[in-house]
Amino acid sequence: MRRTRAGRWAVHLAAARQFHAREGHLRVPRKFVEELAGGDGESGMPVRLGGWLDNTRRRADRLTPERLAALDELGMRW
């Protein structure tokens, strides 16, 4: 099943929040894959966080203010 654009954003943002909570920053290597924790002991879902953050930086001028604010809260380096 394909996710909507908003659904993909939510998954990647959740992975960014999980990484930030664990590491305290968002300096993620381009090839980094975050295992997004599943609920109730489920195995994690791999999320290509590094590539997503890099692409998001390149497209920052097209992000909504809400999405910019969500990443700013995590200390995103633009």
N, C-alpha and C. Protein backbone atom coordinates (compact mmCIF):
# COMPACT_ATOMS: atom_id res chain seq x y z
N MET A 1 0.84 -1.19 0.00
CA MET A 1 0.00 0.00 0.00
C MET A 1 0.88 1.25 0.00
N ARG A 2 0.58 2.17 -0.86
CA ARG A 2 1.36 3.41 -0.96
C ARG A 2 0.88 4.41 0.08
N ARG A 3 1.84 5.14 0.62
CA ARG A 3 1.53 6.19 1.58
C ARG A 3 1.30 7.51 0.85
N THR A 4 0.51 8.36 1.48
CA THR A 4 0.34 9.70 0.95
C THR A 4 1.60 10.51 1.26
N ARG A 5 1.73 11.65 0.64
CA ARG A 5 2.87 12.52 0.91
C ARG A 5 2.89 12.91 2.38
N ALA A 6 1.71 13.22 2.93
CA ALA A 6 1.63 13.58 4.35
C ALA A 6 2.01 12.39 5.23
N GLY A 7 1.64 11.21 4.82
CA GLY A 7 1.99 10.01 5.58
C GLY A 7 3.48 9.76 5.59
N ARG A 8 4.12 9.94 4.44
CA ARG A 8 5.58 9.77 4.37
C ARG A 8 6.28 10.83 5.23
N TRP A 9 5.77 12.06 5.18
CA TRP A 9 6.35 13.12 6.00
C TRP A 9 6.26 12.75 7.48
N ALA A 10 5.09 12.25 7.90
CA ALA A 10 4.88 11.90 9.31
C ALA A 10 5.85 10.79 9.75
N VAL A 11 6.06 9.79 8.91
CA VAL A 11 6.97 8.69 9.25
C VAL A 11 8.40 9.21 9.38
N HIS A 12 8.84 10.03 8.43
CA HIS A 12 10.20 10.56 8.48
C HIS A 12 10.39 11.52 9.65
N LEU A 13 9.38 12.32 9.94
CA LEU A 13 9.49 13.23 11.08
C LEU A 13 9.55 12.44 12.38
N ALA A 14 8.78 11.36 12.49
CA ALA A 14 8.84 10.51 13.68
C ALA A 14 10.24 9.90 13.83
N ALA A 15 10.84 9.48 12.72
CA ALA A 15 12.20 8.93 12.77
C ALA A 15 13.19 10.01 13.19
N ALA A 16 13.01 11.24 12.69
CA ALA A 16 13.90 12.34 13.07
C ALA A 16 13.76 12.64 14.56
N ARG A 17 12.53 12.63 15.06
CA ARG A 17 12.32 12.88 16.50
C ARG A 17 12.95 11.78 17.34
N GLN A 18 12.81 10.54 16.91
CA GLN A 18 13.40 9.42 17.64
C GLN A 18 14.92 9.53 17.66
N PHE A 19 15.52 9.86 16.52
CA PHE A 19 16.97 10.03 16.45
C PHE A 19 17.42 11.17 17.35
N HIS A 20 16.71 12.30 17.27
CA HIS A 20 17.07 13.47 18.07
C HIS A 20 16.95 13.17 19.56
N ALA A 21 15.92 12.44 19.96
CA ALA A 21 15.74 12.10 21.38
C ALA A 21 16.90 11.23 21.88
N ARG A 22 17.39 10.36 21.02
CA ARG A 22 18.48 9.46 21.42
C ARG A 22 19.84 10.14 21.34
N GLU A 23 20.10 10.92 20.27
CA GLU A 23 21.42 11.47 20.02
C GLU A 23 21.58 12.94 20.42
N GLY A 24 20.47 13.67 20.50
CA GLY A 24 20.53 15.08 20.89
C GLY A 24 20.87 16.04 19.76
N HIS A 25 20.87 15.55 18.52
CA HIS A 25 21.16 16.40 17.36
C HIS A 25 20.55 15.76 16.12
N LEU A 26 20.63 16.47 14.99
CA LEU A 26 20.17 15.92 13.70
C LEU A 26 21.29 15.91 12.67
N ARG A 27 22.52 15.76 13.12
CA ARG A 27 23.65 15.67 12.18
C ARG A 27 23.75 14.21 11.73
N VAL A 28 22.95 13.89 10.74
CA VAL A 28 22.80 12.50 10.30
C VAL A 28 23.54 12.30 8.98
N PRO A 29 24.39 11.27 8.87
CA PRO A 29 25.05 11.00 7.60
C PRO A 29 24.03 10.69 6.50
N ARG A 30 24.36 11.04 5.28
CA ARG A 30 23.43 10.87 4.14
C ARG A 30 22.89 9.44 4.01
N LYS A 31 23.70 8.45 4.25
CA LYS A 31 23.30 7.05 4.07
C LYS A 31 22.66 6.43 5.31
N PHE A 32 22.47 7.21 6.37
CA PHE A 32 21.98 6.67 7.64
C PHE A 32 20.53 6.20 7.52
N VAL A 33 20.27 5.01 8.09
CA VAL A 33 18.91 4.46 8.15
C VAL A 33 18.53 4.31 9.61
N GLU A 34 17.44 4.93 10.01
CA GLU A 34 16.93 4.85 11.39
C GLU A 34 15.89 3.74 11.46
N GLU A 35 16.01 2.89 12.46
CA GLU A 35 14.99 1.86 12.70
C GLU A 35 13.91 2.49 13.57
N LEU A 36 12.78 2.82 12.95
CA LEU A 36 11.68 3.44 13.68
C LEU A 36 11.03 2.38 14.55
N ALA A 37 10.97 2.63 15.85
CA ALA A 37 10.45 1.65 16.80
C ALA A 37 8.99 1.34 16.50
N GLY A 38 8.67 0.06 16.51
CA GLY A 38 7.28 -0.37 16.34
C GLY A 38 6.59 -0.43 17.69
N GLY A 39 5.28 -0.41 17.66
CA GLY A 39 4.52 -0.48 18.91
C GLY A 39 4.33 -1.92 19.37
N ASP A 40 4.15 -2.11 20.64
CA ASP A 40 3.86 -3.43 21.24
C ASP A 40 4.90 -4.49 20.87
N GLY A 41 6.16 -4.10 20.87
CA GLY A 41 7.23 -5.06 20.62
C GLY A 41 7.40 -5.45 19.16
N GLU A 42 6.72 -4.78 18.26
CA GLU A 42 6.90 -5.07 16.84
C GLU A 42 8.31 -4.70 16.41
N SER A 43 8.78 -5.36 15.36
CA SER A 43 10.10 -5.00 14.85
C SER A 43 10.03 -3.62 14.21
N GLY A 44 11.16 -2.94 14.20
CA GLY A 44 11.21 -1.58 13.69
C GLY A 44 11.08 -1.51 12.18
N MET A 45 10.74 -0.32 11.71
CA MET A 45 10.63 -0.07 10.28
C MET A 45 11.83 0.78 9.87
N PRO A 46 12.60 0.34 8.85
CA PRO A 46 13.75 1.14 8.42
C PRO A 46 13.29 2.41 7.70
N VAL A 47 13.88 3.54 8.08
CA VAL A 47 13.56 4.83 7.46
C VAL A 47 14.87 5.45 7.02
N ARG A 48 14.98 5.81 5.75
CA ARG A 48 16.20 6.43 5.22
C ARG A 48 16.26 7.89 5.65
N LEU A 49 16.63 8.08 6.89
CA LEU A 49 16.58 9.41 7.50
C LEU A 49 17.62 10.37 6.92
N GLY A 50 18.83 9.91 6.71
CA GLY A 50 19.89 10.80 6.21
C GLY A 50 19.55 11.42 4.87
N GLY A 51 19.12 10.60 3.94
CA GLY A 51 18.75 11.10 2.62
C GLY A 51 17.56 12.04 2.67
N TRP A 52 16.59 11.70 3.51
CA TRP A 52 15.40 12.54 3.63
C TRP A 52 15.77 13.92 4.18
N LEU A 53 16.61 13.96 5.22
CA LEU A 53 17.01 15.25 5.78
C LEU A 53 17.80 16.07 4.76
N ASP A 54 18.68 15.41 4.02
CA ASP A 54 19.46 16.11 3.01
C ASP A 54 18.55 16.69 1.93
N ASN A 55 17.62 15.90 1.44
CA ASN A 55 16.67 16.38 0.43
C ASN A 55 15.77 17.47 0.98
N THR A 56 15.37 17.35 2.23
CA THR A 56 14.51 18.35 2.85
C THR A 56 15.24 19.69 2.95
N ARG A 57 16.52 19.65 3.29
CA ARG A 57 17.32 20.89 3.33
C ARG A 57 17.34 21.56 1.95
N ARG A 58 17.50 20.78 0.92
CA ARG A 58 17.55 21.32 -0.44
C ARG A 58 16.22 21.93 -0.86
N ARG A 59 15.14 21.44 -0.29
CA ARG A 59 13.80 21.90 -0.68
C ARG A 59 13.15 22.78 0.39
N ALA A 60 13.95 23.34 1.27
CA ALA A 60 13.42 24.11 2.40
C ALA A 60 12.53 25.26 1.95
N ASP A 61 12.83 25.83 0.81
CA ASP A 61 12.04 26.97 0.33
C ASP A 61 10.60 26.57 -0.04
N ARG A 62 10.35 25.28 -0.18
CA ARG A 62 9.01 24.81 -0.54
C ARG A 62 8.25 24.19 0.62
N LEU A 63 8.83 24.18 1.81
CA LEU A 63 8.16 23.60 2.97
C LEU A 63 7.17 24.59 3.58
N THR A 64 6.12 24.03 4.17
CA THR A 64 5.15 24.88 4.87
C THR A 64 5.77 25.40 6.15
N PRO A 65 5.27 26.50 6.68
CA PRO A 65 5.80 27.02 7.95
C PRO A 65 5.69 25.98 9.08
N GLU A 66 4.64 25.17 9.07
CA GLU A 66 4.47 24.16 10.11
C GLU A 66 5.58 23.11 10.04
N ARG A 67 5.92 22.69 8.83
CA ARG A 67 6.98 21.68 8.67
C ARG A 67 8.34 22.27 9.01
N LEU A 68 8.58 23.51 8.62
CA LEU A 68 9.83 24.18 9.00
C LEU A 68 9.95 24.26 10.52
N ALA A 69 8.86 24.64 11.17
CA ALA A 69 8.87 24.77 12.64
C ALA A 69 9.12 23.43 13.31
N ALA A 70 8.52 22.37 12.77
CA ALA A 70 8.71 21.04 13.37
C ALA A 70 10.18 20.62 13.32
N LEU A 71 10.85 20.92 12.22
CA LEU A 71 12.27 20.58 12.11
C LEU A 71 13.15 21.54 12.91
N ASP A 72 12.74 22.81 12.97
CA ASP A 72 13.49 23.78 13.79
C ASP A 72 13.50 23.36 15.26
N GLU A 73 12.38 22.79 15.73
CA GLU A 73 12.30 22.32 17.12
C GLU A 73 13.35 21.27 17.43
N LEU A 74 13.76 20.53 16.39
CA LEU A 74 14.75 19.48 16.57
C LEU A 74 16.18 19.98 16.30
N GLY A 75 16.31 21.28 16.05
CA GLY A 75 17.63 21.84 15.82
C GLY A 75 18.16 21.55 14.43
N MET A 76 17.29 21.52 13.45
CA MET A 76 17.70 21.24 12.06
C MET A 76 18.70 22.29 11.59
N ARG A 77 19.79 21.82 10.98
CA ARG A 77 20.77 22.71 10.36
C ARG A 77 20.35 22.94 8.93
N TRP A 78 20.03 24.17 8.60
CA TRP A 78 19.60 24.49 7.22
C TRP A 78 20.80 24.90 6.44
